[in-house]
């Protein structure tokens, strides 16, 4: 990944930070984008905070600024997203559109803005974050799973759209990621069976690498031992 220009959305989150650390260690040039007010990054990273990626105008401006800063864009990693656990019967009416915006629209808006730059790259890549929960939704996972199923469909449709342009589009489908929030929510779980952020980051960067050049439209489960 040395020298590759990578835009990472959701860079301030637990998974985002793991991806940033791994990509920086491999010598990538990084553009970090997040809605948070603060987004720590390595020296030389181009950081944009307070960006609402559900707004196509803001998403477009952020991607354009990243491409202008580095003179192009090779990889887009769509890590921004959100989660709510609630049943359909007792859940809030706005949960479904809220998760659609956070998980689908953020990826759509960033991808649409990045496509012209990725087409101009020698090896354009998009990697999305779906969810194993979207393959079989459990209790309280209806809205989240539906939104991540949208990410899966986006991945496959965009892979077909860009197949002739030399741009690959893939997604990782993690199960439970080992984060402080998940540990607090499920204190009695066996954390060793969960997916470590660093391990998921490694798979994401593999899909963004030259080694994954012939892979596109893949929905790759990364489920640890759950």
Protein backbone atom coordinates (compact mmCIF):
# COMPACT_ATOMS: atom_id res chain seq x y z
CA UNK A 1 0.00 0.00 0.00
CA UNK A 2 3.06 2.24 -0.01
CA UNK A 3 2.25 5.54 -1.69
CA UNK A 4 -1.40 4.69 -2.31
CA UNK A 5 -3.84 7.53 -1.64
CA UNK A 6 -6.61 6.24 0.63
CA UNK A 7 -9.71 8.09 1.81
CA UNK A 8 -11.21 6.59 4.97
CA UNK A 9 -14.67 7.59 6.16
CA UNK A 10 -15.55 6.99 9.79
CA UNK A 11 -11.85 7.29 10.58
CA UNK A 12 -12.42 8.37 14.18
CA UNK A 13 -14.27 5.18 15.21
CA UNK A 14 -12.75 2.04 16.67
CA UNK A 15 -12.55 0.20 13.34
CA UNK A 16 -11.60 3.38 11.51
CA UNK A 17 -8.66 3.98 13.83
CA UNK A 18 -7.48 0.39 13.36
CA UNK A 19 -7.58 0.81 9.58
CA UNK A 20 -5.76 4.15 9.79
CA UNK A 21 -3.01 2.62 11.90
CA UNK A 22 -2.59 -0.38 9.60
CA UNK A 23 -2.63 1.70 6.40
CA UNK A 24 -0.15 4.19 7.82
CA UNK A 25 2.18 1.35 8.80
CA UNK A 26 2.11 0.21 5.16
CA UNK A 27 3.10 3.65 3.89
CA UNK A 28 -0.22 4.85 2.50
CA UNK A 29 -1.11 8.51 2.16
CA UNK A 30 -4.28 9.06 4.14
CA UNK A 31 -7.31 11.34 3.94
CA UNK A 32 -9.39 10.91 7.08
CA UNK A 33 -13.06 11.93 7.04
CA UNK A 34 -15.43 11.84 10.00
CA UNK A 35 -18.50 13.49 11.45
CA UNK A 36 -16.76 13.76 14.84
CA UNK A 37 -15.15 16.97 16.01
CA UNK A 38 -11.79 15.25 16.51
CA UNK A 39 -10.11 12.58 14.42
CA UNK A 40 -6.54 11.73 15.42
CA UNK A 41 -4.28 10.69 12.59
CA UNK A 42 -0.64 10.03 11.80
CA UNK A 43 1.73 12.72 10.65
CA UNK A 44 0.98 13.78 7.09
CA UNK A 45 -2.65 12.67 7.14
CA UNK A 46 -5.25 15.07 5.73
CA UNK A 47 -8.00 15.25 8.34
CA UNK A 48 -11.51 16.57 7.76
CA UNK A 49 -13.89 16.59 10.73
CA UNK A 50 -17.52 17.61 11.12
CA UNK A 51 -18.42 16.14 7.72
CA UNK A 52 -21.99 14.89 7.32
CA UNK A 53 -21.62 12.16 4.73
CA UNK A 54 -25.39 11.72 4.54
CA UNK A 55 -25.34 15.05 2.71
CA UNK A 56 -24.13 14.51 -0.87
CA UNK A 57 -22.79 18.07 -1.05
CA UNK A 58 -20.63 17.68 2.05
CA UNK A 59 -19.50 14.22 0.98
CA UNK A 60 -18.56 15.50 -2.45
CA UNK A 61 -16.63 18.43 -1.03
CA UNK A 62 -14.70 16.18 1.36
CA UNK A 63 -13.68 13.72 -1.35
CA UNK A 64 -12.77 16.55 -3.73
CA UNK A 65 -10.61 18.18 -1.06
CA UNK A 66 -8.82 14.90 -0.40
CA UNK A 67 -8.12 14.33 -4.09
CA UNK A 68 -6.90 17.90 -4.48
CA UNK A 69 -4.60 17.59 -1.46
CA UNK A 70 -2.85 14.47 -2.76
CA UNK A 71 -3.31 14.88 -6.49
CA UNK A 72 -5.73 11.99 -6.90
CA UNK A 73 -7.35 9.07 -5.10
CA UNK A 74 -6.67 5.34 -5.32
CA UNK A 75 -8.84 3.82 -2.60
CA UNK A 76 -12.08 4.64 -0.79
CA UNK A 77 -12.79 2.76 2.44
CA UNK A 78 -16.40 3.32 3.52
CA UNK A 79 -16.26 2.62 7.25
CA UNK A 80 -18.70 5.28 8.46
CA UNK A 81 -21.92 3.83 9.82
CA UNK A 82 -24.14 3.33 12.82
CA UNK A 83 -26.00 0.74 14.88
CA UNK A 84 -29.16 0.51 16.97
CA UNK A 85 -30.59 -2.55 18.68
CA UNK A 86 -34.36 -2.47 19.08
CA UNK A 87 -37.34 -4.60 18.28
CA UNK A 88 -39.69 -3.62 15.51
CA UNK A 89 -42.70 -3.55 17.84
CA UNK A 90 -41.19 -1.19 20.41
CA UNK A 91 -38.60 0.58 18.27
CA UNK A 92 -38.57 4.24 17.32
CA UNK A 93 -40.17 5.07 13.96
CA UNK A 94 -37.10 7.01 12.85
CA UNK A 95 -34.65 4.16 13.39
CA UNK A 96 -35.12 2.66 9.93
CA UNK A 97 -34.49 5.85 7.91
CA UNK A 98 -31.74 6.87 10.36
CA UNK A 99 -29.77 3.66 9.84
CA UNK A 100 -30.37 3.81 6.11
CA UNK A 101 -28.79 7.25 6.07
CA UNK A 102 -25.86 6.26 8.29
CA UNK A 103 -25.02 2.96 6.62
CA UNK A 104 -26.19 3.25 3.01
CA UNK A 105 -26.25 6.92 2.08
CA UNK A 106 -22.82 7.64 3.57
CA UNK A 107 -21.34 4.93 1.34
CA UNK A 108 -23.37 5.99 -1.70
CA UNK A 109 -22.45 9.66 -1.40
CA UNK A 110 -18.75 9.06 -0.79
CA UNK A 111 -18.56 6.48 -3.58
CA UNK A 112 -20.33 8.67 -6.11
CA UNK A 113 -17.91 11.52 -5.38
CA UNK A 114 -14.88 9.23 -5.51
CA UNK A 115 -15.70 7.38 -8.74
CA UNK A 116 -14.14 9.87 -11.21
CA UNK A 117 -10.91 9.91 -9.20
CA UNK A 118 -10.83 6.13 -8.82
CA UNK A 119 -11.35 5.68 -12.55
CA UNK A 120 -8.30 7.86 -13.14
CA UNK A 121 -6.21 5.69 -10.79
CA UNK A 122 -4.15 2.78 -12.03
CA UNK A 123 -5.96 0.54 -9.56
CA UNK A 124 -9.09 2.07 -8.03
CA UNK A 125 -10.63 0.32 -5.05
CA UNK A 126 -13.76 0.70 -2.94
CA UNK A 127 -14.23 -1.39 0.19
CA UNK A 128 -17.49 -1.21 2.13
CA UNK A 129 -18.41 -2.54 5.56
CA UNK A 130 -21.49 -4.72 5.50
CA UNK A 131 -22.53 -7.14 8.22
CA UNK A 132 -22.95 -10.85 8.76
CA UNK A 133 -26.17 -9.87 10.57
CA UNK A 134 -27.65 -8.91 7.21
CA UNK A 135 -27.41 -12.53 6.06
CA UNK A 136 -29.69 -13.69 8.89
CA UNK A 137 -31.13 -10.99 11.10
CA UNK A 138 -31.59 -11.79 14.77
CA UNK A 139 -33.80 -10.31 17.47
CA UNK A 140 -33.58 -6.53 17.56
CA UNK A 141 -31.48 -6.40 14.40
CA UNK A 142 -34.18 -5.66 11.82
CA UNK A 143 -33.36 -2.04 10.98
CA UNK A 144 -29.60 -2.52 11.21
CA UNK A 145 -29.62 -5.71 9.13
CA UNK A 146 -31.86 -4.13 6.49
CA UNK A 147 -29.53 -1.15 6.15
CA UNK A 148 -26.47 -3.38 5.87
CA UNK A 149 -28.27 -5.50 3.27
CA UNK A 150 -28.50 -2.26 1.35
CA UNK A 151 -24.73 -1.92 1.62
CA UNK A 152 -24.37 -5.44 0.21
CA UNK A 153 -26.62 -4.59 -2.75
CA UNK A 154 -24.76 -1.33 -3.31
CA UNK A 155 -21.47 -3.22 -3.36
CA UNK A 156 -22.62 -5.73 -5.95
CA UNK A 157 -24.34 -3.15 -8.17
CA UNK A 158 -21.38 -0.78 -8.08
CA UNK A 159 -18.97 -3.63 -8.81
CA UNK A 160 -20.89 -4.36 -12.00
CA UNK A 161 -21.08 -0.69 -12.88
CA UNK A 162 -17.31 -0.18 -12.54
CA UNK A 163 -16.11 -3.56 -13.79
CA UNK A 164 -15.02 -2.16 -17.13
CA UNK A 165 -13.27 0.82 -15.57
CA UNK A 166 -10.66 -1.11 -13.62
CA UNK A 167 -12.22 -0.24 -10.25
CA UNK A 168 -13.04 -3.07 -7.84
CA UNK A 169 -15.80 -2.85 -5.24
CA UNK A 170 -16.00 -5.32 -2.36
CA UNK A 171 -17.37 -5.53 1.17
CA UNK A 172 -16.39 -7.20 4.42
CA UNK A 173 -19.17 -8.75 6.50
CA UNK A 174 -18.05 -8.83 10.13
CA UNK A 175 -19.93 -10.43 12.98
CA UNK A 176 -19.42 -8.86 16.43
CA UNK A 177 -16.40 -6.54 16.46
CA UNK A 178 -14.44 -6.42 19.70
CA UNK A 179 -15.05 -2.81 20.73
CA UNK A 180 -15.36 -1.19 24.18
CA UNK A 181 -19.05 -0.49 23.50
CA UNK A 182 -19.80 -4.10 22.60
CA UNK A 183 -17.94 -5.34 25.68
CA UNK A 184 -19.96 -2.99 27.87
CA UNK A 185 -23.22 -4.10 26.25
CA UNK A 186 -22.39 -7.83 26.47
CA UNK A 187 -20.15 -8.21 29.55
CA UNK A 188 -20.72 -11.96 29.88
CA UNK A 189 -19.73 -12.80 26.29
CA UNK A 190 -16.55 -14.60 25.31
CA UNK A 191 -14.66 -11.70 23.73
CA UNK A 192 -12.05 -14.04 22.26
CA UNK A 193 -14.60 -15.26 19.71
CA UNK A 194 -15.22 -11.75 18.37
CA UNK A 195 -13.44 -10.07 15.47
CA UNK A 196 -10.51 -7.91 16.54
CA UNK A 197 -10.49 -4.48 14.81
CA UNK A 198 -6.89 -5.01 13.71
CA UNK A 199 -7.79 -8.32 12.06
CA UNK A 200 -10.74 -6.79 10.22
CA UNK A 201 -8.53 -3.88 9.17
CA UNK A 202 -6.07 -6.35 7.64
CA UNK A 203 -8.83 -7.93 5.53
CA UNK A 204 -10.08 -4.51 4.41
CA UNK A 205 -6.60 -3.49 3.31
CA UNK A 206 -6.14 -6.79 1.50
CA UNK A 207 -9.24 -6.04 -0.59
CA UNK A 208 -7.76 -2.60 -1.29
CA UNK A 209 -4.42 -4.06 -2.36
CA UNK A 210 -2.94 -5.11 -5.69
CA UNK A 211 -3.18 -8.73 -4.57
CA UNK A 212 -6.98 -8.46 -4.67
CA UNK A 213 -7.01 -7.05 -8.21
CA UNK A 214 -9.15 -9.90 -9.65
CA UNK A 215 -11.72 -9.73 -6.84
CA UNK A 216 -14.81 -7.56 -7.26
CA UNK A 217 -18.40 -7.80 -6.08
CA UNK A 218 -17.36 -10.02 -3.17
CA UNK A 219 -19.21 -10.03 0.15
CA UNK A 220 -16.54 -11.51 2.40
CA UNK A 221 -17.62 -12.84 5.81
CA UNK A 222 -15.18 -12.00 8.61
CA UNK A 223 -16.80 -13.69 11.57
CA UNK A 224 -14.06 -14.84 13.92
CA UNK A 225 -15.29 -17.79 15.95
CA UNK A 226 -18.85 -16.56 16.57
